[in-house]
N, C-alpha and C. Protein backbone atom coordinates (compact mmCIF):
# COMPACT_ATOMS: atom_id res chain seq x y z
N UNK A 1 -0.56 -4.94 17.62
CA UNK A 1 -0.30 -5.10 16.19
C UNK A 1 0.02 -3.73 15.60
N UNK A 2 1.02 -3.70 14.71
CA UNK A 2 1.44 -2.46 14.08
C UNK A 2 0.36 -1.94 13.14
N UNK A 3 0.22 -0.61 13.03
CA UNK A 3 -0.76 -0.07 12.08
C UNK A 3 -0.55 -0.59 10.66
N UNK A 4 0.70 -0.76 10.25
CA UNK A 4 0.97 -1.24 8.89
C UNK A 4 0.48 -2.66 8.68
N UNK A 5 0.51 -3.49 9.72
CA UNK A 5 0.02 -4.86 9.60
C UNK A 5 -1.50 -4.89 9.48
N UNK A 6 -2.17 -4.02 10.24
CA UNK A 6 -3.62 -3.93 10.17
C UNK A 6 -4.03 -3.39 8.80
N UNK A 7 -3.33 -2.36 8.34
CA UNK A 7 -3.66 -1.73 7.06
C UNK A 7 -3.53 -2.71 5.91
N UNK A 8 -2.56 -3.63 5.99
CA UNK A 8 -2.31 -4.58 4.90
C UNK A 8 -3.57 -5.37 4.53
N UNK A 9 -4.39 -5.69 5.51
CA UNK A 9 -5.61 -6.45 5.22
C UNK A 9 -6.60 -5.64 4.39
N UNK A 10 -6.54 -4.32 4.51
CA UNK A 10 -7.46 -3.46 3.78
C UNK A 10 -7.14 -3.37 2.30
N UNK A 11 -5.93 -3.71 1.90
CA UNK A 11 -5.57 -3.64 0.49
C UNK A 11 -6.45 -4.54 -0.36
N UNK A 12 -7.08 -5.54 0.26
CA UNK A 12 -7.97 -6.42 -0.48
C UNK A 12 -9.30 -5.74 -0.80
N UNK A 13 -9.61 -4.68 -0.05
CA UNK A 13 -10.91 -4.04 -0.20
C UNK A 13 -10.86 -2.71 -0.95
N UNK A 14 -9.81 -1.93 -0.75
CA UNK A 14 -9.69 -0.63 -1.39
C UNK A 14 -8.35 -0.53 -2.08
N UNK A 15 -8.32 0.14 -3.20
CA UNK A 15 -7.08 0.27 -3.95
C UNK A 15 -6.45 1.64 -3.71
N UNK A 16 -7.24 2.64 -3.47
CA UNK A 16 -6.73 3.99 -3.29
C UNK A 16 -7.35 4.62 -2.05
N UNK A 17 -6.53 5.33 -1.29
CA UNK A 17 -6.98 6.01 -0.09
C UNK A 17 -6.71 7.50 -0.25
N UNK A 18 -7.75 8.29 -0.53
CA UNK A 18 -7.53 9.72 -0.72
C UNK A 18 -6.97 10.40 0.55
N UNK A 19 -7.20 9.81 1.71
CA UNK A 19 -6.69 10.37 2.95
C UNK A 19 -5.16 10.39 2.98
N UNK A 20 -4.52 9.57 2.15
CA UNK A 20 -3.06 9.49 2.14
C UNK A 20 -2.41 10.58 1.28
N UNK A 21 -3.20 11.28 0.47
CA UNK A 21 -2.63 12.28 -0.43
C UNK A 21 -1.88 13.37 0.33
N UNK A 22 -2.47 13.88 1.38
CA UNK A 22 -1.83 14.98 2.11
C UNK A 22 -0.52 14.55 2.76
N UNK A 23 -0.47 13.46 3.54
CA UNK A 23 0.82 13.11 4.16
C UNK A 23 1.87 12.61 3.17
N UNK A 24 1.46 12.00 2.07
CA UNK A 24 2.43 11.49 1.10
C UNK A 24 2.79 12.56 0.08
N UNK A 25 1.84 13.41 -0.28
CA UNK A 25 2.19 14.56 -1.10
C UNK A 25 1.61 14.61 -2.50
N UNK A 26 1.19 13.48 -3.06
CA UNK A 26 0.57 13.52 -4.37
C UNK A 26 -0.22 12.24 -4.61
N UNK A 27 -1.20 12.37 -5.46
CA UNK A 27 -2.02 11.20 -5.83
C UNK A 27 -1.15 10.13 -6.48
N UNK A 28 -0.29 10.53 -7.40
CA UNK A 28 0.56 9.55 -8.09
C UNK A 28 1.50 8.84 -7.13
N UNK A 29 2.03 9.57 -6.14
CA UNK A 29 2.91 8.94 -5.16
C UNK A 29 2.13 7.93 -4.31
N UNK A 30 0.89 8.25 -3.98
CA UNK A 30 0.05 7.30 -3.22
C UNK A 30 -0.19 6.04 -4.05
N UNK A 31 -0.55 6.22 -5.31
CA UNK A 31 -0.82 5.08 -6.18
C UNK A 31 0.41 4.19 -6.31
N UNK A 32 1.56 4.79 -6.58
CA UNK A 32 2.78 4.01 -6.73
C UNK A 32 3.17 3.35 -5.41
N UNK A 33 3.06 4.09 -4.31
CA UNK A 33 3.41 3.52 -3.01
C UNK A 33 2.54 2.31 -2.68
N UNK A 34 1.24 2.43 -2.88
CA UNK A 34 0.35 1.31 -2.57
C UNK A 34 0.64 0.10 -3.44
N UNK A 35 1.10 0.33 -4.66
CA UNK A 35 1.48 -0.78 -5.53
C UNK A 35 2.75 -1.47 -4.99
N UNK A 36 3.73 -0.66 -4.57
CA UNK A 36 4.94 -1.22 -3.98
C UNK A 36 4.61 -1.96 -2.69
N UNK A 37 3.74 -1.38 -1.87
CA UNK A 37 3.31 -2.00 -0.62
C UNK A 37 2.64 -3.34 -0.89
N UNK A 38 1.79 -3.39 -1.92
CA UNK A 38 1.10 -4.63 -2.28
C UNK A 38 2.10 -5.75 -2.58
N UNK A 39 3.15 -5.43 -3.32
CA UNK A 39 4.13 -6.45 -3.74
C UNK A 39 5.16 -6.76 -2.66
N UNK A 40 5.25 -5.93 -1.62
CA UNK A 40 6.31 -6.05 -0.63
C UNK A 40 6.39 -7.43 0.01
N UNK A 41 5.28 -8.00 0.38
CA UNK A 41 5.32 -9.30 1.06
C UNK A 41 5.29 -10.48 0.08
N UNK A 42 5.42 -10.18 -1.20
CA UNK A 42 5.41 -11.23 -2.22
C UNK A 42 6.83 -11.49 -2.75
N UNK A 43 7.82 -10.95 -2.07
CA UNK A 43 9.22 -11.19 -2.44
C UNK A 43 9.99 -11.61 -1.20
N UNK A 44 10.99 -12.42 -1.42
CA UNK A 44 11.86 -12.79 -0.31
C UNK A 44 13.23 -12.12 -0.45
N UNK A 45 13.34 -11.21 -1.40
CA UNK A 45 14.58 -10.49 -1.64
C UNK A 45 14.76 -9.41 -0.56
N UNK A 46 15.90 -9.40 0.11
CA UNK A 46 16.17 -8.42 1.16
C UNK A 46 16.18 -6.99 0.64
N UNK A 47 16.42 -6.82 -0.65
CA UNK A 47 16.44 -5.48 -1.23
C UNK A 47 15.04 -4.95 -1.50
N UNK A 48 14.05 -5.82 -1.50
CA UNK A 48 12.67 -5.41 -1.75
C UNK A 48 12.16 -5.90 -3.08
N UNK A 49 11.23 -5.15 -3.63
CA UNK A 49 10.51 -5.51 -4.86
C UNK A 49 11.27 -4.98 -6.07
N UNK A 50 11.38 -5.80 -7.09
CA UNK A 50 11.91 -5.31 -8.36
C UNK A 50 10.77 -5.27 -9.36
N UNK A 51 10.56 -4.12 -9.93
CA UNK A 51 9.57 -3.92 -10.99
C UNK A 51 10.16 -2.97 -12.02
N UNK A 52 9.88 -3.24 -13.28
CA UNK A 52 10.31 -2.30 -14.32
C UNK A 52 9.31 -1.16 -14.41
N UNK A 53 9.72 -0.10 -15.03
CA UNK A 53 8.83 1.04 -15.26
C UNK A 53 7.62 0.60 -16.08
N UNK A 54 7.85 -0.29 -17.04
CA UNK A 54 6.76 -0.80 -17.87
C UNK A 54 5.76 -1.61 -17.04
N UNK A 55 6.27 -2.42 -16.12
CA UNK A 55 5.37 -3.20 -15.26
C UNK A 55 4.54 -2.28 -14.38
N UNK A 56 5.19 -1.27 -13.78
CA UNK A 56 4.43 -0.31 -12.97
C UNK A 56 3.39 0.42 -13.82
N UNK A 57 3.74 0.75 -15.05
CA UNK A 57 2.77 1.44 -15.91
C UNK A 57 1.58 0.54 -16.22
N UNK A 58 1.84 -0.73 -16.49
CA UNK A 58 0.75 -1.68 -16.74
C UNK A 58 -0.15 -1.83 -15.52
N UNK A 59 0.44 -1.80 -14.32
CA UNK A 59 -0.31 -2.04 -13.08
C UNK A 59 -1.01 -0.79 -12.56
N UNK A 60 -0.44 0.39 -12.82
CA UNK A 60 -0.99 1.61 -12.22
C UNK A 60 -1.49 2.63 -13.23
N UNK A 61 -1.02 2.54 -14.47
CA UNK A 61 -1.36 3.54 -15.47
C UNK A 61 -0.45 4.75 -15.43
N UNK A 62 0.50 4.79 -14.49
CA UNK A 62 1.41 5.93 -14.38
C UNK A 62 2.51 5.82 -15.43
N UNK A 63 2.76 6.90 -16.15
CA UNK A 63 3.83 6.92 -17.14
C UNK A 63 5.18 6.91 -16.43
N UNK A 64 6.25 6.68 -17.18
CA UNK A 64 7.60 6.66 -16.60
C UNK A 64 7.91 8.00 -15.92
N UNK A 65 7.51 9.11 -16.54
CA UNK A 65 7.75 10.44 -15.95
C UNK A 65 6.95 10.62 -14.66
N UNK A 66 5.69 10.19 -14.66
CA UNK A 66 4.87 10.27 -13.45
C UNK A 66 5.46 9.40 -12.34
N UNK A 67 5.95 8.22 -12.71
CA UNK A 67 6.58 7.33 -11.73
C UNK A 67 7.82 7.99 -11.13
N UNK A 68 8.63 8.62 -11.99
CA UNK A 68 9.85 9.26 -11.54
C UNK A 68 9.56 10.35 -10.50
N UNK A 69 8.56 11.16 -10.78
CA UNK A 69 8.17 12.22 -9.85
C UNK A 69 7.63 11.62 -8.55
N UNK A 70 6.81 10.57 -8.67
CA UNK A 70 6.25 9.91 -7.49
C UNK A 70 7.36 9.26 -6.66
N UNK A 71 8.31 8.63 -7.32
CA UNK A 71 9.43 7.98 -6.62
C UNK A 71 10.25 9.01 -5.85
N UNK A 72 10.47 10.17 -6.45
CA UNK A 72 11.21 11.23 -5.78
C UNK A 72 10.50 11.65 -4.50
N UNK A 73 9.20 11.81 -4.58
CA UNK A 73 8.40 12.19 -3.41
C UNK A 73 8.50 11.12 -2.32
N UNK A 74 8.40 9.84 -2.71
CA UNK A 74 8.45 8.74 -1.74
C UNK A 74 9.83 8.64 -1.08
N UNK A 75 10.88 8.93 -1.84
CA UNK A 75 12.23 8.94 -1.27
C UNK A 75 12.39 10.11 -0.29
N UNK A 76 11.87 11.28 -0.68
CA UNK A 76 12.00 12.48 0.16
C UNK A 76 11.39 12.28 1.54
N UNK A 77 10.23 11.64 1.60
CA UNK A 77 9.58 11.45 2.90
C UNK A 77 10.03 10.16 3.58
N UNK A 78 10.85 9.38 2.90
CA UNK A 78 11.44 8.19 3.51
C UNK A 78 10.57 6.95 3.50
N UNK A 79 9.47 6.98 2.78
CA UNK A 79 8.57 5.82 2.74
C UNK A 79 9.15 4.65 1.97
N UNK A 80 9.90 4.95 0.93
CA UNK A 80 10.46 3.90 0.08
C UNK A 80 11.98 4.06 0.00
N UNK A 81 12.66 2.95 0.20
CA UNK A 81 14.11 2.91 0.06
C UNK A 81 14.40 2.27 -1.29
N UNK A 82 15.10 2.99 -2.13
CA UNK A 82 15.46 2.47 -3.45
C UNK A 82 16.90 1.97 -3.43
N UNK A 83 17.09 0.79 -4.00
CA UNK A 83 18.44 0.24 -4.14
C UNK A 83 18.70 -0.01 -5.62
N UNK A 84 19.48 0.87 -6.24
CA UNK A 84 19.78 0.67 -7.67
C UNK A 84 20.89 -0.38 -7.84
N UNK A 85 20.71 -1.25 -8.78
CA UNK A 85 21.73 -2.21 -9.19
C UNK A 85 22.09 -1.84 -10.62
N UNK A 86 23.02 -0.93 -10.75
CA UNK A 86 23.34 -0.34 -12.05
C UNK A 86 23.80 -1.36 -13.08
N UNK A 87 24.64 -2.31 -12.68
CA UNK A 87 25.12 -3.30 -13.64
C UNK A 87 23.99 -4.20 -14.16
N UNK A 88 22.98 -4.39 -13.33
CA UNK A 88 21.82 -5.20 -13.72
C UNK A 88 20.72 -4.35 -14.35
N UNK A 89 20.88 -3.04 -14.30
CA UNK A 89 19.85 -2.10 -14.79
C UNK A 89 18.53 -2.33 -14.06
N UNK A 90 18.60 -2.45 -12.74
CA UNK A 90 17.42 -2.69 -11.92
C UNK A 90 17.40 -1.73 -10.73
N UNK A 91 16.18 -1.43 -10.29
CA UNK A 91 15.99 -0.69 -9.04
C UNK A 91 15.04 -1.52 -8.18
N UNK A 92 15.46 -1.74 -6.95
CA UNK A 92 14.63 -2.47 -5.99
C UNK A 92 13.98 -1.46 -5.06
N UNK A 93 12.74 -1.73 -4.66
CA UNK A 93 11.96 -0.82 -3.83
C UNK A 93 11.56 -1.54 -2.55
N UNK A 94 11.84 -0.88 -1.42
CA UNK A 94 11.52 -1.47 -0.12
C UNK A 94 10.81 -0.43 0.74
N UNK A 95 9.70 -0.82 1.33
CA UNK A 95 8.93 0.07 2.21
C UNK A 95 9.64 0.15 3.56
N UNK A 96 9.80 1.37 4.07
CA UNK A 96 10.28 1.57 5.43
C UNK A 96 9.04 1.57 6.33
N UNK A 97 8.81 0.45 6.99
CA UNK A 97 7.58 0.29 7.77
C UNK A 97 7.52 1.18 9.00
N UNK A 98 8.66 1.62 9.52
CA UNK A 98 8.63 2.57 10.63
C UNK A 98 8.06 3.91 10.17
N UNK A 99 8.49 4.37 9.01
CA UNK A 99 7.97 5.62 8.44
C UNK A 99 6.50 5.43 8.07
N UNK A 100 6.15 4.29 7.48
CA UNK A 100 4.76 4.00 7.08
C UNK A 100 3.85 4.02 8.30
N UNK A 101 4.30 3.43 9.41
CA UNK A 101 3.49 3.45 10.63
C UNK A 101 3.26 4.89 11.09
N UNK A 102 4.28 5.73 11.02
CA UNK A 102 4.12 7.14 11.41
C UNK A 102 3.13 7.86 10.51
N UNK A 103 3.20 7.59 9.20
CA UNK A 103 2.26 8.22 8.27
C UNK A 103 0.84 7.81 8.61
N UNK A 104 0.64 6.51 8.86
CA UNK A 104 -0.70 6.03 9.19
C UNK A 104 -1.22 6.63 10.49
N UNK A 105 -0.34 6.78 11.46
CA UNK A 105 -0.75 7.36 12.74
C UNK A 105 -1.11 8.85 12.61
N UNK A 106 -0.45 9.54 11.69
CA UNK A 106 -0.66 10.98 11.54
C UNK A 106 -1.77 11.35 10.57
N UNK A 107 -2.11 10.46 9.66
CA UNK A 107 -3.10 10.84 8.64
C UNK A 107 -4.52 10.60 9.14
N UNK A 108 -5.47 10.89 8.30
CA UNK A 108 -6.89 10.85 8.66
C UNK A 108 -7.47 9.45 8.73
N UNK A 109 -6.70 8.43 8.40
CA UNK A 109 -7.23 7.07 8.47
C UNK A 109 -7.05 6.57 9.88
N UNK A 110 -8.16 6.30 10.57
CA UNK A 110 -8.08 5.77 11.93
C UNK A 110 -7.88 4.28 11.89
N UNK A 111 -6.77 3.80 12.44
CA UNK A 111 -6.48 2.38 12.49
C UNK A 111 -6.68 1.93 13.92
N UNK A 112 -7.42 0.87 14.10
CA UNK A 112 -7.65 0.36 15.43
C UNK A 112 -7.51 -1.15 15.43
N UNK A 113 -6.74 -1.67 16.36
CA UNK A 113 -6.58 -3.12 16.49
C UNK A 113 -7.90 -3.75 16.92
N UNK A 114 -8.81 -2.93 17.47
CA UNK A 114 -10.11 -3.45 17.91
C UNK A 114 -11.11 -3.52 16.77
N UNK A 115 -10.79 -2.93 15.62
CA UNK A 115 -11.66 -2.98 14.45
C UNK A 115 -11.83 -4.43 14.07
N UNK A 116 -13.03 -4.97 14.22
CA UNK A 116 -13.24 -6.42 14.09
C UNK A 116 -12.84 -6.98 12.74
N UNK A 117 -12.99 -6.25 11.67
CA UNK A 117 -12.60 -6.73 10.35
C UNK A 117 -11.14 -6.44 10.05
N UNK A 118 -10.51 -5.56 10.83
CA UNK A 118 -9.13 -5.21 10.58
C UNK A 118 -8.98 -4.16 9.50
N UNK A 119 -10.09 -3.52 9.09
CA UNK A 119 -10.03 -2.53 8.04
C UNK A 119 -9.89 -1.14 8.63
N UNK A 120 -9.12 -0.28 7.99
CA UNK A 120 -9.02 1.10 8.46
C UNK A 120 -10.38 1.77 8.41
N UNK A 121 -10.58 2.71 9.32
CA UNK A 121 -11.79 3.51 9.29
C UNK A 121 -11.48 4.82 8.60
N UNK A 122 -12.43 5.27 7.79
CA UNK A 122 -12.25 6.54 7.11
C UNK A 122 -12.66 7.67 8.06
N UNK A 123 -12.35 8.93 7.75
CA UNK A 123 -12.66 10.03 8.65
C UNK A 123 -14.13 10.11 9.03
N UNK A 124 -15.03 9.62 8.17
CA UNK A 124 -16.45 9.69 8.50
C UNK A 124 -16.89 8.54 9.40
N UNK A 125 -15.91 7.70 9.84
CA UNK A 125 -16.21 6.63 10.78
C UNK A 125 -16.57 5.31 10.14
N UNK A 126 -16.71 5.29 8.83
CA UNK A 126 -17.04 4.04 8.15
C UNK A 126 -15.79 3.20 7.98
N UNK A 127 -15.99 1.91 8.01
CA UNK A 127 -14.89 1.00 7.75
C UNK A 127 -14.54 1.09 6.28
N UNK A 128 -13.29 0.82 5.91
CA UNK A 128 -12.83 0.87 4.53
C UNK A 128 -13.23 -0.36 3.74
N UNK A 129 -13.98 -1.28 4.38
CA UNK A 129 -14.34 -2.49 3.66
C UNK A 129 -15.55 -2.27 2.76
N UNK A 130 -15.91 -3.28 2.00
CA UNK A 130 -17.01 -3.18 1.05
C UNK A 130 -18.35 -3.15 1.76
N UNK A 131 -19.37 -2.56 1.14
CA UNK A 131 -20.69 -2.53 1.75
C UNK A 131 -21.22 -3.94 1.97
N UNK A 132 -22.09 -4.09 2.97
CA UNK A 132 -22.69 -5.39 3.23
C UNK A 132 -23.41 -5.89 1.99
N UNK A 133 -23.28 -7.19 1.74
CA UNK A 133 -23.92 -7.77 0.58
C UNK A 133 -23.01 -7.79 -0.64
N UNK A 134 -21.93 -7.00 -0.61
CA UNK A 134 -21.01 -6.96 -1.74
C UNK A 134 -19.74 -7.75 -1.50
N UNK A 135 -19.60 -8.32 -0.31
CA UNK A 135 -18.38 -9.05 -0.02
C UNK A 135 -18.69 -10.35 0.68
N UNK A 136 -17.80 -11.28 0.49
CA UNK A 136 -17.86 -12.55 1.19
C UNK A 136 -16.57 -12.68 1.97
N UNK A 137 -16.48 -13.72 2.78
CA UNK A 137 -15.28 -13.90 3.58
C UNK A 137 -14.90 -15.36 3.57
N UNK A 138 -13.64 -15.63 3.29
CA UNK A 138 -13.10 -16.97 3.35
C UNK A 138 -11.98 -16.99 4.36
N UNK A 139 -11.80 -18.12 5.04
CA UNK A 139 -10.69 -18.29 5.95
C UNK A 139 -9.51 -18.84 5.15
N UNK A 140 -8.35 -18.21 5.24
CA UNK A 140 -7.18 -18.69 4.53
C UNK A 140 -6.47 -19.73 5.38
N UNK A 141 -5.48 -20.39 4.81
CA UNK A 141 -4.75 -21.45 5.51
C UNK A 141 -4.07 -20.94 6.77
N UNK A 142 -3.64 -19.67 6.80
CA UNK A 142 -2.97 -19.14 7.97
C UNK A 142 -3.94 -18.53 8.98
N UNK A 143 -5.24 -18.70 8.76
CA UNK A 143 -6.24 -18.24 9.71
C UNK A 143 -6.74 -16.84 9.47
N UNK A 144 -6.22 -16.14 8.49
CA UNK A 144 -6.69 -14.78 8.19
C UNK A 144 -7.95 -14.83 7.37
N UNK A 145 -8.78 -13.79 7.52
CA UNK A 145 -9.96 -13.70 6.69
C UNK A 145 -9.59 -13.10 5.35
N UNK A 146 -10.16 -13.63 4.30
CA UNK A 146 -9.94 -13.09 2.96
C UNK A 146 -11.30 -12.62 2.45
N UNK A 147 -11.39 -11.36 2.07
CA UNK A 147 -12.66 -10.80 1.62
C UNK A 147 -12.72 -10.83 0.11
N UNK A 148 -13.81 -11.35 -0.40
CA UNK A 148 -13.97 -11.50 -1.83
C UNK A 148 -15.14 -10.68 -2.32
N UNK A 149 -15.01 -10.09 -3.48
CA UNK A 149 -16.12 -9.38 -4.12
C UNK A 149 -16.96 -10.42 -4.83
N UNK A 150 -18.25 -10.37 -4.58
CA UNK A 150 -19.15 -11.31 -5.25
C UNK A 150 -20.10 -10.55 -6.14
N UNK A 151 -20.49 -11.18 -7.21
CA UNK A 151 -21.37 -10.51 -8.17
C UNK A 151 -22.82 -10.62 -7.75
């Protein structure tokens, strides 16, 4: 299984990974990238995800200027492919999963297909999932485990 496929399951448990700051280059770029990654499998458009600057700001808190700087960084390292549709006034965002896999392999997050929960391990060896007692698990229709936060 690809590191990016294993990592995808962890998005349900953690929203931000400080270990990604160094390979990606900035906190804002990590935040924006993880938001694009989250939406990536929720579209069937070959161009990727379409989001307005306002939608990204609502979802991440990043201003248009912060997004612009983060987008530049993501383009520079090749993590995100942008496809502008000028006549439609839209930009589509697509994750390059080959580059993403390389980033995951090189950064401090240890990904292991043998990790029973499928969650990345942090540098201190702990799983990225929630502490025991704070999460539940449901089986989804496709057989994947879904982790839920319980009060």
